[in-house]
C-alpha cells in the first residue's frame, strides 16, 4: 500500500471523528454520534497498523520510507 493511500485513510478517519465530535457537542442523537466516532477510529486504527507494517517491511537499507 502506498503512502498516499495510508494518508487518505487517516484523513477519512479524521473527518469522521470530527463529524462525530460536532454531533456530540451539539447533543444530537446518540446513535449517530457513536457511529461516526467508532467508524472514524476504526479507519485511523487500520491506517496506523498499515503504517507500522510498512515501516517494518522495508526492503533494504538503501530504501527510504518516503520513496514508495
Protein backbone atom coordinates (compact mmCIF):
# COMPACT_ATOMS: atom_id res chain seq x y z
CA UNK A 1 0.00 0.00 0.00
CA UNK A 2 1.35 3.40 -0.94
CA UNK A 3 1.91 6.27 1.45
CA UNK A 4 -0.81 8.37 -0.16
CA UNK A 5 -3.38 5.63 0.38
CA UNK A 6 -2.49 5.40 4.07
CA UNK A 7 -2.70 9.19 4.32
CA UNK A 8 -6.16 9.13 2.74
CA UNK A 9 -7.28 6.57 5.34
CA UNK A 10 -6.01 8.85 8.11
CA UNK A 11 -7.82 11.83 6.59
CA UNK A 12 -11.10 9.95 6.22
CA UNK A 13 -10.83 8.84 9.84
CA UNK A 14 -10.11 12.38 10.97
CA UNK A 15 -13.10 13.71 9.03
CA UNK A 16 -15.45 11.11 10.51
CA UNK A 17 -14.19 11.74 14.04
CA UNK A 18 -14.67 15.48 13.53
CA UNK A 19 -18.25 14.91 12.44
CA UNK A 20 -18.84 12.70 15.47
CA UNK A 21 -17.38 15.31 17.82
CA UNK A 22 -19.56 18.00 16.24
CA UNK A 23 -22.63 15.83 16.82
CA UNK A 24 -21.52 15.19 20.40
CA UNK A 25 -21.07 18.90 21.12
CA UNK A 26 -24.48 19.81 19.68
CA UNK A 27 -26.19 16.98 21.61
CA UNK A 28 -27.54 15.27 18.52
CA UNK A 29 -28.89 11.74 18.57
CA UNK A 30 -26.54 9.41 20.39
CA UNK A 31 -26.55 6.62 17.78
CA UNK A 32 -25.19 8.90 15.00
CA UNK A 33 -22.51 10.27 17.29
CA UNK A 34 -21.35 6.82 18.31
CA UNK A 35 -21.46 5.58 14.71
CA UNK A 36 -19.22 8.34 13.37
CA UNK A 37 -16.75 8.08 16.25
CA UNK A 38 -16.41 4.29 16.02
CA UNK A 39 -16.06 4.23 12.23
CA UNK A 40 -13.58 7.13 12.28
CA UNK A 41 -11.44 5.49 14.94
CA UNK A 42 -11.52 2.23 13.01
CA UNK A 43 -10.22 3.98 9.90
CA UNK A 44 -7.40 5.55 11.90
CA UNK A 45 -6.52 2.26 13.60
CA UNK A 46 -6.32 0.44 10.25
CA UNK A 47 -4.18 3.23 8.79
CA UNK A 48 -1.90 3.12 11.83
CA UNK A 49 -1.48 -0.65 11.57
CA UNK A 50 -0.72 -0.38 7.84
CA UNK A 51 1.83 2.36 8.54
CA UNK A 52 3.58 0.23 11.17
CA UNK A 53 3.63 -2.77 8.83
CA UNK A 54 5.05 -0.63 6.05
CA UNK A 55 7.82 0.63 8.32
CA UNK A 56 8.83 -2.91 9.27
CA UNK A 57 8.64 -4.27 5.71
CA UNK A 58 11.37 -2.00 4.37
CA UNK A 59 13.07 -3.89 1.53
CA UNK A 60 16.68 -2.90 2.18
CA UNK A 61 18.68 -0.24 3.95
CA UNK A 62 19.01 1.96 0.87
CA UNK A 63 15.22 2.29 0.51
CA UNK A 64 13.69 5.21 2.30
CA UNK A 65 10.21 5.10 3.77
CA UNK A 66 9.22 8.16 1.76
CA UNK A 67 10.39 6.73 -1.58
CA UNK A 68 7.41 4.41 -2.09
